[in-house]
PDB file of N, CA and C in Angstrom:
ATOM      1  N   MET A   1       4.522 -21.438  -8.195  1.00  0.00           N
ATOM      2  CA  MET A   1       5.819 -20.983  -7.729  1.00  0.00           C
ATOM      3  C   MET A   1       5.961 -19.473  -7.875  1.00  0.00           C
ATOM      4  N   ILE A   2       5.652 -18.951  -9.064  1.00  0.00           N
ATOM      5  CA  ILE A   2       5.758 -17.507  -9.278  1.00  0.00           C
ATOM      6  C   ILE A   2       4.743 -16.774  -8.412  1.00  0.00           C
ATOM      7  N   SER A   3       3.550 -17.357  -8.275  1.00  0.00           N
ATOM      8  CA  SER A   3       2.529 -16.705  -7.456  1.00  0.00           C
ATOM      9  C   SER A   3       2.958 -16.638  -5.994  1.00  0.00           C
ATOM     10  N   ASP A   4       3.623 -17.678  -5.510  1.00  0.00           N
ATOM     11  CA  ASP A   4       4.101 -17.669  -4.127  1.00  0.00           C
ATOM     12  C   ASP A   4       5.143 -16.577  -3.905  1.00  0.00           C
ATOM     13  N   VAL A   5       6.015 -16.384  -4.879  1.00  0.00           N
ATOM     14  CA  VAL A   5       7.033 -15.329  -4.775  1.00  0.00           C
ATOM     15  C   VAL A   5       6.369 -13.956  -4.766  1.00  0.00           C
ATOM     16  N   LEU A   6       5.389 -13.748  -5.649  1.00  0.00           N
ATOM     17  CA  LEU A   6       4.701 -12.456  -5.704  1.00  0.00           C
ATOM     18  C   LEU A   6       3.947 -12.171  -4.408  1.00  0.00           C
ATOM     19  N   ILE A   7       3.254 -13.169  -3.890  1.00  0.00           N
ATOM     20  CA  ILE A   7       2.518 -12.988  -2.637  1.00  0.00           C
ATOM     21  C   ILE A   7       3.488 -12.741  -1.486  1.00  0.00           C
ATOM     22  N   GLY A   8       4.596 -13.471  -1.455  1.00  0.00           N
ATOM     23  CA  GLY A   8       5.607 -13.256  -0.412  1.00  0.00           C
ATOM     24  C   GLY A   8       6.214 -11.867  -0.468  1.00  0.00           C
ATOM     25  N   LEU A   9       6.524 -11.392  -1.678  1.00  0.00           N
ATOM     26  CA  LEU A   9       7.051 -10.027  -1.819  1.00  0.00           C
ATOM     27  C   LEU A   9       6.017  -8.990  -1.392  1.00  0.00           C
ATOM     28  N   GLY A  10       4.763  -9.241  -1.733  1.00  0.00           N
ATOM     29  CA  GLY A  10       3.699  -8.333  -1.315  1.00  0.00           C
ATOM     30  C   GLY A  10       3.572  -8.262   0.194  1.00  0.00           C
ATOM     31  N   LEU A  11       3.638  -9.417   0.841  1.00  0.00           N
ATOM     32  CA  LEU A  11       3.582  -9.437   2.307  1.00  0.00           C
ATOM     33  C   LEU A  11       4.785  -8.724   2.915  1.00  0.00           C
ATOM     34  N   LEU A  12       5.942  -8.878   2.296  1.00  0.00           N
ATOM     35  CA  LEU A  12       7.141  -8.191   2.773  1.00  0.00           C
ATOM     36  C   LEU A  12       6.967  -6.672   2.691  1.00  0.00           C
ATOM     37  N   PHE A  13       6.422  -6.182   1.581  1.00  0.00           N
ATOM     38  CA  PHE A  13       6.163  -4.747   1.445  1.00  0.00           C
ATOM     39  C   PHE A  13       5.195  -4.253   2.518  1.00  0.00           C
ATOM     40  N   VAL A  14       4.142  -5.022   2.779  1.00  0.00           N
ATOM     41  CA  VAL A  14       3.156  -4.614   3.779  1.00  0.00           C
ATOM     42  C   VAL A  14       3.781  -4.578   5.170  1.00  0.00           C
ATOM     43  N   VAL A  15       4.595  -5.570   5.503  1.00  0.00           N
ATOM     44  CA  VAL A  15       5.253  -5.598   6.818  1.00  0.00           C
ATOM     45  C   VAL A  15       6.224  -4.430   6.962  1.00  0.00           C
ATOM     46  N   ILE A  16       6.996  -4.143   5.918  1.00  0.00           N
ATOM     47  CA  ILE A  16       7.934  -3.014   5.969  1.00  0.00           C
ATOM     48  C   ILE A  16       7.173  -1.703   6.120  1.00  0.00           C
ATOM     49  N   GLY A  17       6.055  -1.560   5.431  1.00  0.00           N
ATOM     50  CA  GLY A  17       5.234  -0.359   5.573  1.00  0.00           C
ATOM     51  C   GLY A  17       4.665  -0.215   6.974  1.00  0.00           C
ATOM     52  N   THR A  18       4.258  -1.327   7.564  1.00  0.00           N
ATOM     53  CA  THR A  18       3.739  -1.293   8.932  1.00  0.00           C
ATOM     54  C   THR A  18       4.827  -0.881   9.914  1.00  0.00           C
ATOM     55  N   ILE A  19       6.022  -1.387   9.730  1.00  0.00           N
ATOM     56  CA  ILE A  19       7.145  -0.978  10.586  1.00  0.00           C
ATOM     57  C   ILE A  19       7.414   0.511  10.409  1.00  0.00           C
ATOM     58  N   GLY A  20       7.330   1.008   9.183  1.00  0.00           N
ATOM     59  CA  GLY A  20       7.523   2.434   8.930  1.00  0.00           C
ATOM     60  C   GLY A  20       6.476   3.286   9.617  1.00  0.00           C
ATOM     61  N   ILE A  21       5.227   2.832   9.615  1.00  0.00           N
ATOM     62  CA  ILE A  21       4.166   3.577  10.294  1.00  0.00           C
ATOM     63  C   ILE A  21       4.445   3.644  11.787  1.00  0.00           C
ATOM     64  N   LEU A  22       4.910   2.552  12.365  1.00  0.00           N
ATOM     65  CA  LEU A  22       5.190   2.536  13.800  1.00  0.00           C
ATOM     66  C   LEU A  22       6.448   3.312  14.152  1.00  0.00           C
ATOM     67  N   ARG A  23       7.397   3.357  13.246  1.00  0.00           N
ATOM     68  CA  ARG A  23       8.693   3.966  13.545  1.00  0.00           C
ATOM     69  C   ARG A  23       8.706   5.486  13.379  1.00  0.00           C
ATOM     70  N   PHE A  24       8.080   5.991  12.332  1.00  0.00           N
ATOM     71  CA  PHE A  24       8.104   7.431  12.084  1.00  0.00           C
ATOM     72  C   PHE A  24       7.099   8.144  12.972  1.00  0.00           C
ATOM     73  N   ARG A  25       7.415   9.409  13.306  1.00  0.00           N
ATOM     74  CA  ARG A  25       6.563  10.158  14.217  1.00  0.00           C
ATOM     75  C   ARG A  25       5.625  11.129  13.527  1.00  0.00           C
ATOM     76  N   ASP A  26       6.053  11.733  12.436  1.00  0.00           N
ATOM     77  CA  ASP A  26       5.193  12.752  11.838  1.00  0.00           C
ATOM     78  C   ASP A  26       4.285  12.150  10.764  1.00  0.00           C
ATOM     79  N   VAL A  27       3.230  12.898  10.479  1.00  0.00           N
ATOM     80  CA  VAL A  27       2.186  12.423   9.577  1.00  0.00           C
ATOM     81  C   VAL A  27       2.723  12.156   8.177  1.00  0.00           C
ATOM     82  N   TYR A  28       3.558  13.040   7.678  1.00  0.00           N
ATOM     83  CA  TYR A  28       4.011  12.942   6.293  1.00  0.00           C
ATOM     84  C   TYR A  28       4.926  11.736   6.069  1.00  0.00           C
ATOM     85  N   SER A  29       5.782  11.458   7.018  1.00  0.00           N
ATOM     86  CA  SER A  29       6.641  10.273   6.898  1.00  0.00           C
ATOM     87  C   SER A  29       5.821   8.993   6.980  1.00  0.00           C
ATOM     88  N   ARG A  30       4.824   8.994   7.847  1.00  0.00           N
ATOM     89  CA  ARG A  30       3.953   7.827   7.953  1.00  0.00           C
ATOM     90  C   ARG A  30       3.157   7.606   6.672  1.00  0.00           C
ATOM     91  N   LEU A  31       2.707   8.708   6.080  1.00  0.00           N
ATOM     92  CA  LEU A  31       1.982   8.585   4.817  1.00  0.00           C
ATOM     93  C   LEU A  31       2.874   8.044   3.713  1.00  0.00           C
ATOM     94  N   GLN A  32       4.115   8.486   3.694  1.00  0.00           N
ATOM     95  CA  GLN A  32       5.058   7.985   2.688  1.00  0.00           C
ATOM     96  C   GLN A  32       5.276   6.481   2.868  1.00  0.00           C
ATOM     97  N   ALA A  33       5.466   6.075   4.120  1.00  0.00           N
ATOM     98  CA  ALA A  33       5.703   4.656   4.394  1.00  0.00           C
ATOM     99  C   ALA A  33       4.481   3.810   4.047  1.00  0.00           C
ATOM    100  N   SER A  34       3.311   4.294   4.409  1.00  0.00           N
ATOM    101  CA  SER A  34       2.111   3.489   4.169  1.00  0.00           C
ATOM    102  C   SER A  34       1.633   3.558   2.727  1.00  0.00           C
ATOM    103  N   GLY A  35       1.703   4.720   2.108  1.00  0.00           N
ATOM    104  CA  GLY A  35       1.181   4.867   0.752  1.00  0.00           C
ATOM    105  C   GLY A  35       1.920   4.037  -0.266  1.00  0.00           C
ATOM    106  N   VAL A  36       3.219   4.096  -0.233  1.00  0.00           N
ATOM    107  CA  VAL A  36       4.024   3.354  -1.207  1.00  0.00           C
ATOM    108  C   VAL A  36       3.943   1.853  -0.947  1.00  0.00           C
ATOM    109  N   SER A  37       4.078   1.466   0.310  1.00  0.00           N
ATOM    110  CA  SER A  37       4.105   0.031   0.602  1.00  0.00           C
ATOM    111  C   SER A  37       2.739  -0.617   0.414  1.00  0.00           C
ATOM    112  N   ASP A  38       1.666   0.104   0.697  1.00  0.00           N
ATOM    113  CA  ASP A  38       0.339  -0.473   0.488  1.00  0.00           C
ATOM    114  C   ASP A  38       0.061  -0.709  -0.989  1.00  0.00           C
ATOM    115  N   ASN A  39       0.369   0.276  -1.810  1.00  0.00           N
ATOM    116  CA  ASN A  39       0.154   0.094  -3.248  1.00  0.00           C
ATOM    117  C   ASN A  39       0.983  -1.058  -3.788  1.00  0.00           C
ATOM    118  N   ALA A  40       2.253  -1.073  -3.450  1.00  0.00           N
ATOM    119  CA  ALA A  40       3.134  -2.125  -3.962  1.00  0.00           C
ATOM    120  C   ALA A  40       2.769  -3.480  -3.362  1.00  0.00           C
ATOM    121  N   GLY A  41       2.588  -3.523  -2.051  1.00  0.00           N
ATOM    122  CA  GLY A  41       2.327  -4.787  -1.374  1.00  0.00           C
ATOM    123  C   GLY A  41       1.010  -5.424  -1.772  1.00  0.00           C
ATOM    124  N   LEU A  42      -0.066  -4.659  -1.672  1.00  0.00           N
ATOM    125  CA  LEU A  42      -1.363  -5.227  -2.024  1.00  0.00           C
ATOM    126  C   LEU A  42      -1.470  -5.499  -3.520  1.00  0.00           C
ATOM    127  N   GLY A  43      -0.812  -4.674  -4.323  1.00  0.00           N
ATOM    128  CA  GLY A  43      -0.785  -4.941  -5.762  1.00  0.00           C
ATOM    129  C   GLY A  43      -0.098  -6.254  -6.080  1.00  0.00           C
ATOM    130  N   LEU A  44       1.051  -6.488  -5.455  1.00  0.00           N
ATOM    131  CA  LEU A  44       1.761  -7.753  -5.687  1.00  0.00           C
ATOM    132  C   LEU A  44       0.961  -8.953  -5.179  1.00  0.00           C
ATOM    133  N   ILE A  45       0.291  -8.784  -4.050  1.00  0.00           N
ATOM    134  CA  ILE A  45      -0.528  -9.878  -3.524  1.00  0.00           C
ATOM    135  C   ILE A  45      -1.661 -10.204  -4.490  1.00  0.00           C
ATOM    136  N   LEU A  46      -2.336  -9.170  -4.993  1.00  0.00           N
ATOM    137  CA  LEU A  46      -3.438  -9.418  -5.927  1.00  0.00           C
ATOM    138  C   LEU A  46      -2.944 -10.010  -7.246  1.00  0.00           C
ATOM    139  N   ILE A  47      -1.812  -9.543  -7.743  1.00  0.00           N
ATOM    140  CA  ILE A  47      -1.250 -10.124  -8.970  1.00  0.00           C
ATOM    141  C   ILE A  47      -0.857 -11.584  -8.730  1.00  0.00           C
ATOM    142  N   GLY A  48      -0.296 -11.863  -7.556  1.00  0.00           N
ATOM    143  CA  GLY A  48       0.034 -13.248  -7.215  1.00  0.00           C
ATOM    144  C   GLY A  48      -1.197 -14.139  -7.162  1.00  0.00           C
ATOM    145  N   LEU A  49      -2.303 -13.600  -6.644  1.00  0.00           N
ATOM    146  CA  LEU A  49      -3.541 -14.381  -6.612  1.00  0.00           C
ATOM    147  C   LEU A  49      -4.103 -14.598  -8.015  1.00  0.00           C
ATOM    148  N   ILE A  50      -3.966 -13.592  -8.877  1.00  0.00           N
ATOM    149  CA  ILE A  50      -4.416 -13.750 -10.262  1.00  0.00           C
ATOM    150  C   ILE A  50      -3.597 -14.835 -10.960  1.00  0.00           C
ATOM    151  N   VAL A  51      -2.280 -14.823 -10.751  1.00  0.00           N
ATOM    152  CA  VAL A  51      -1.415 -15.837 -11.370  1.00  0.00           C
ATOM    153  C   VAL A  51      -1.737 -17.220 -10.815  1.00  0.00           C
ATOM    154  N   ARG A  52      -1.989 -17.307  -9.524  1.00  0.00           N
ATOM    155  CA  ARG A  52      -2.279 -18.602  -8.900  1.00  0.00           C
ATOM    156  C   ARG A  52      -3.612 -19.170  -9.385  1.00  0.00           C
ATOM    157  N   ASN A  53      -4.595 -18.291  -9.591  1.00  0.00           N
ATOM    158  CA  ASN A  53      -5.930 -18.730  -9.996  1.00  0.00           C
ATOM    159  C   ASN A  53      -5.978 -19.289 -11.399  1.00  0.00           C
ATOM    160  N   GLY A  54      -5.081 -18.865 -12.241  1.00  0.00           N
ATOM    161  CA  GLY A  54      -5.176 -19.262 -13.642  1.00  0.00           C
ATOM    162  C   GLY A  54      -6.216 -18.396 -14.339  1.00  0.00           C
ATOM    163  N   LEU A  55      -6.753 -18.869 -15.429  1.00  0.00           N
ATOM    164  CA  LEU A  55      -7.735 -18.108 -16.189  1.00  0.00           C
ATOM    165  C   LEU A  55      -9.134 -18.486 -15.722  1.00  0.00           C
ATOM    166  N   SER A  56      -9.775 -17.590 -14.974  1.00  0.00           N
ATOM    167  CA  SER A  56     -11.121 -17.851 -14.476  1.00  0.00           C
ATOM    168  C   SER A  56     -11.868 -16.533 -14.331  1.00  0.00           C
ATOM    169  N   SER A  57     -13.116 -16.638 -13.944  1.00  0.00           N
ATOM    170  CA  SER A  57     -13.921 -15.427 -13.760  1.00  0.00           C
ATOM    171  C   SER A  57     -13.485 -14.651 -12.518  1.00  0.00           C
ATOM    172  N   ASP A  58     -12.821 -15.315 -11.598  1.00  0.00           N
ATOM    173  CA  ASP A  58     -12.327 -14.627 -10.408  1.00  0.00           C
ATOM    174  C   ASP A  58     -11.209 -13.651 -10.743  1.00  0.00           C
ATOM    175  N   ASP A  59     -10.509 -13.897 -11.844  1.00  0.00           N
ATOM    176  CA  ASP A  59      -9.440 -12.979 -12.259  1.00  0.00           C
ATOM    177  C   ASP A  59      -9.985 -11.597 -12.573  1.00  0.00           C
ATOM    178  N   LEU A  60     -11.173 -11.542 -13.146  1.00  0.00           N
ATOM    179  CA  LEU A  60     -11.791 -10.250 -13.441  1.00  0.00           C
ATOM    180  C   LEU A  60     -12.078  -9.493 -12.151  1.00  0.00           C
ATOM    181  N   LYS A  61     -12.581 -10.199 -11.159  1.00  0.00           N
ATOM    182  CA  LYS A  61     -12.864  -9.567  -9.867  1.00  0.00           C
ATOM    183  C   LYS A  61     -11.579  -9.077  -9.203  1.00  0.00           C
ATOM    184  N   LEU A  62     -10.546  -9.900  -9.233  1.00  0.00           N
ATOM    185  CA  LEU A  62      -9.266  -9.496  -8.650  1.00  0.00           C
ATOM    186  C   LEU A  62      -8.645  -8.339  -9.422  1.00  0.00           C
ATOM    187  N   GLY A  63      -8.792  -8.349 -10.742  1.00  0.00           N
ATOM    188  CA  GLY A  63      -8.287  -7.248 -11.557  1.00  0.00           C
ATOM    189  C   GLY A  63      -9.013  -5.948 -11.266  1.00  0.00           C
ATOM    190  N   LEU A  64     -10.329  -6.020 -11.101  1.00  0.00           N
ATOM    191  CA  LEU A  64     -11.091  -4.817 -10.751  1.00  0.00           C
ATOM    192  C   LEU A  64     -10.721  -4.316  -9.360  1.00  0.00           C
ATOM    193  N   LEU A  65     -10.488  -5.238  -8.449  1.00  0.00           N
ATOM    194  CA  LEU A  65     -10.049  -4.855  -7.109  1.00  0.00           C
ATOM    195  C   LEU A  65      -8.682  -4.182  -7.152  1.00  0.00           C
ATOM    196  N   LEU A  66      -7.788  -4.695  -7.983  1.00  0.00           N
ATOM    197  CA  LEU A  66      -6.468  -4.091  -8.158  1.00  0.00           C
ATOM    198  C   LEU A  66      -6.593  -2.694  -8.752  1.00  0.00           C
ATOM    199  N   LEU A  67      -7.440  -2.533  -9.751  1.00  0.00           N
ATOM    200  CA  LEU A  67      -7.664  -1.219 -10.356  1.00  0.00           C
ATOM    201  C   LEU A  67      -8.243  -0.244  -9.339  1.00  0.00           C
ATOM    202  N   LEU A  68      -9.210  -0.699  -8.551  1.00  0.00           N
ATOM    203  CA  LEU A  68      -9.798   0.145  -7.513  1.00  0.00           C
ATOM    204  C   LEU A  68      -8.750   0.565  -6.492  1.00  0.00           C
ATOM    205  N   LEU A  69      -7.896  -0.354  -6.102  1.00  0.00           N
ATOM    206  CA  LEU A  69      -6.823  -0.056  -5.155  1.00  0.00           C
ATOM    207  C   LEU A  69      -5.867   0.984  -5.725  1.00  0.00           C
ATOM    208  N   LEU A  70      -5.468   0.798  -6.975  1.00  0.00           N
ATOM    209  CA  LEU A  70      -4.509   1.717  -7.587  1.00  0.00           C
ATOM    210  C   LEU A  70      -5.099   3.106  -7.817  1.00  0.00           C
ATOM    211  N   LEU A  71      -6.410   3.199  -7.943  1.00  0.00           N
ATOM    212  CA  LEU A  71      -7.045   4.500  -8.138  1.00  0.00           C
ATOM    213  C   LEU A  71      -7.356   5.213  -6.824  1.00  0.00           C
ATOM    214  N   THR A  72      -7.766   4.470  -5.805  1.00  0.00           N
ATOM    215  CA  THR A  72      -8.216   5.116  -4.571  1.00  0.00           C
ATOM    216  C   THR A  72      -7.110   5.369  -3.554  1.00  0.00           C
ATOM    217  N   ASN A  73      -6.101   4.524  -3.490  1.00  0.00           N
ATOM    218  CA  ASN A  73      -5.061   4.694  -2.474  1.00  0.00           C
ATOM    219  C   ASN A  73      -4.320   6.027  -2.600  1.00  0.00           C
ATOM    220  N   PRO A  74      -3.900   6.460  -3.782  1.00  0.00           N
ATOM    221  CA  PRO A  74      -3.251   7.776  -3.870  1.00  0.00           C
ATOM    222  C   PRO A  74      -4.186   8.931  -3.517  1.00  0.00           C
ATOM    223  N   VAL A  75      -5.457   8.801  -3.863  1.00  0.00           N
ATOM    224  CA  VAL A  75      -6.416   9.860  -3.541  1.00  0.00           C
ATOM    225  C   VAL A  75      -6.596   9.968  -2.032  1.00  0.00           C
ATOM    226  N   ILE A  76      -6.704   8.843  -1.363  1.00  0.00           N
ATOM    227  CA  ILE A  76      -6.863   8.842   0.089  1.00  0.00           C
ATOM    228  C   ILE A  76      -5.608   9.382   0.768  1.00  0.00           C
ATOM    229  N   THR A  77      -4.441   8.975   0.297  1.00  0.00           N
ATOM    230  CA  THR A  77      -3.188   9.474   0.862  1.00  0.00           C
ATOM    231  C   THR A  77      -3.081  10.981   0.690  1.00  0.00           C
ATOM    232  N   HIS A  78      -3.452  11.488  -0.477  1.00  0.00           N
ATOM    233  CA  HIS A  78      -3.418  12.930  -0.718  1.00  0.00           C
ATOM    234  C   HIS A  78      -4.412  13.661   0.183  1.00  0.00           C
ATOM    235  N   SER A  79      -5.583  13.095   0.382  1.00  0.00           N
ATOM    236  CA  SER A  79      -6.587  13.722   1.241  1.00  0.00           C
ATOM    237  C   SER A  79      -6.104  13.821   2.682  1.00  0.00           C
ATOM    238  N   ILE A  80      -5.470  12.781   3.170  1.00  0.00           N
ATOM    239  CA  ILE A  80      -4.939  12.806   4.535  1.00  0.00           C
ATOM    240  C   ILE A  80      -3.815  13.823   4.649  1.00  0.00           C
ATOM    241  N   ALA A  81      -2.935  13.881   3.650  1.00  0.00           N
ATOM    242  CA  ALA A  81      -1.835  14.851   3.675  1.00  0.00           C
ATOM    243  C   ALA A  81      -2.367  16.279   3.621  1.00  0.00           C
ATOM    244  N   LYS A  82      -3.369  16.523   2.804  1.00  0.00           N
ATOM    245  CA  LYS A  82      -3.946  17.867   2.718  1.00  0.00           C
ATOM    246  C   LYS A  82      -4.614  18.251   4.029  1.00  0.00           C
ATOM    247  N   SER A  83      -5.304  17.314   4.648  1.00  0.00           N
ATOM    248  CA  SER A  83      -5.931  17.574   5.940  1.00  0.00           C
ATOM    249  C   SER A  83      -4.885  17.894   7.001  1.00  0.00           C
ATOM    250  N   ALA A  84      -3.779  17.171   7.003  1.00  0.00           N
ATOM    251  CA  ALA A  84      -2.702  17.447   7.964  1.00  0.00           C
ATOM    252  C   ALA A  84      -2.081  18.813   7.698  1.00  0.00           C
ATOM    253  N   PHE A  85      -1.948  19.187   6.433  1.00  0.00           N
ATOM    254  CA  PHE A  85      -1.385  20.492   6.086  1.00  0.00           C
ATOM    255  C   PHE A  85      -2.317  21.614   6.522  1.00  0.00           C
ATOM    256  N   VAL A  86      -3.608  21.449   6.295  1.00  0.00           N
ATOM    257  CA  VAL A  86      -4.578  22.475   6.678  1.00  0.00           C
ATOM    258  C   VAL A  86      -4.611  22.634   8.192  1.00  0.00           C
ATOM    259  N   ARG A  87      -4.479  21.548   8.915  1.00  0.00           N
ATOM    260  CA  ARG A  87      -4.471  21.616  10.381  1.00  0.00           C
ATOM    261  C   ARG A  87      -3.105  21.992  10.937  1.00  0.00           C
ATOM    262  N   ARG A  88      -2.154  22.239  10.041  1.00  0.00           N
ATOM    263  CA  ARG A  88      -0.816  22.712  10.385  1.00  0.00           C
ATOM    264  C   ARG A  88      -0.030  21.713  11.237  1.00  0.00           C
ATOM    265  N   HIS A  89      -0.134  20.440  10.890  1.00  0.00           N
ATOM    266  CA  HIS A  89       0.719  19.437  11.524  1.00  0.00           C
ATOM    267  C   HIS A  89       2.090  19.530  10.880  1.00  0.00           C
ATOM    268  N   GLY A  90       3.090  19.837  11.666  1.00  0.00           N
ATOM    269  CA  GLY A  90       4.437  19.994  11.130  1.00  0.00           C
ATOM    270  C   GLY A  90       5.123  18.669  10.911  1.00  0.00           C
ATOM    271  N   ALA A  91       6.140  18.711  10.098  1.00  0.00           N
ATOM    272  CA  ALA A  91       6.951  17.519   9.856  1.00  0.00           C
ATOM    273  C   ALA A  91       8.073  17.489  10.878  1.00  0.00           C
ATOM    274  N   GLY A  92       8.228  16.365  11.545  1.00  0.00           N
ATOM    275  CA  GLY A  92       9.291  16.225  12.531  1.00  0.00           C
ATOM    276  C   GLY A  92      10.525  15.607  11.924  1.00  0.00           C
ATOM    277  N   ASP A  93      11.657  15.862  12.544  1.00  0.00           N
ATOM    278  CA  ASP A  93      12.917  15.320  12.044  1.00  0.00           C
ATOM    279  C   ASP A  93      13.335  14.044  12.760  1.00  0.00           C
ATOM    280  N   ASP A  94      12.652  13.726  13.833  1.00  0.00           N
ATOM    281  CA  ASP A  94      13.124  12.616  14.658  1.00  0.00           C
ATOM    282  C   ASP A  94      12.383  11.328  14.329  1.00  0.00           C
ATOM    283  N   VAL A  95      13.060  10.239  14.628  1.00  0.00           N
ATOM    284  CA  VAL A  95      12.533   8.907  14.402  1.00  0.00           C
ATOM    285  C   VAL A  95      12.630   8.157  15.715  1.00  0.00           C
ATOM    286  N   ARG A  96      11.630   7.369  16.016  1.00  0.00           N
ATOM    287  CA  ARG A  96      11.651   6.599  17.261  1.00  0.00           C
ATOM    288  C   ARG A  96      12.690   5.520  17.205  1.00  0.00           C
TER     289      ARG A  96
END
């Protein structure tokens, strides 16, 4: 039951982030929408899978995957933002 709620909340975060990526026009707003929702959404999904699995060897794999996600996603988001800044992509004020 708790695992289903966590997985459902994670999917909700991912869907909201996807809508944000489609809705915003500039790079920085899209990064904000995707970076936060991906970390939260995929983290909740992985935690839900760990809870659903119970105590097994697969929990270690899921935990390592969660750690990898939490370490690499901010670095990738920062790299994309820095690349957009260097290429002088401006931030827009409008939303589709």
